Amino acid sequence: MANWYSADLHFGHHRIIDFCRRPFASTAEMNAALIANFQACVAHDDDLWILGDFAFGRADDTAQFENWFHSLPGRKHLIIGNHDDEAVISLPWASTEYMAEIQDGNQSLVLYHYPRSLGTAQGEVPYGPMPNGCWSWTCAPTAPHSPSQAP
């Protein structure tokens, strides 16, 4: 069992492709690539921590949100972000919180959607949005990226 971390997936958000210079021609291509990437690295018994902004859309997109959710492997946990409305929060997450403190191996982690300083006394803080262009739509294994290591 492993922990995986990601943030700001923004499933269905067509403007995020331009905002964050994601390498996709359409949201359909982006959504399919996100799902394929997670399916390639996250096992059924792994924990997948989404640090906010799972999907972007209208309340009537609930069926699509469910489809994306169920396409992802692992036990899924949501750290609630600013774009996660009730349709996202009500998906069958293993947990939903605004912030979580977890132990990952010998690392104590504080998981939060909003940027914070890394290397606090409480542990590392993997987080979502980065000022240099939204790196976090990929998935990261157990050791979270620091800003200098962002892909």
Foldseek 3Di string as FASTA:
>chain_A
DWEKEFEQLAQPDFCLCVQQVPPDPGSVRSLVVLLVLQVVPPAQAYEYEYQENQHADDLVCLVVLQVSVVSGHYQYEYQYDPRQDPSNVVHPHPYYHQWDWDQGPPFTEIEHADDDDADDPRGGYAYFDDPVGTLRSHMDTRDHDDVVRRD
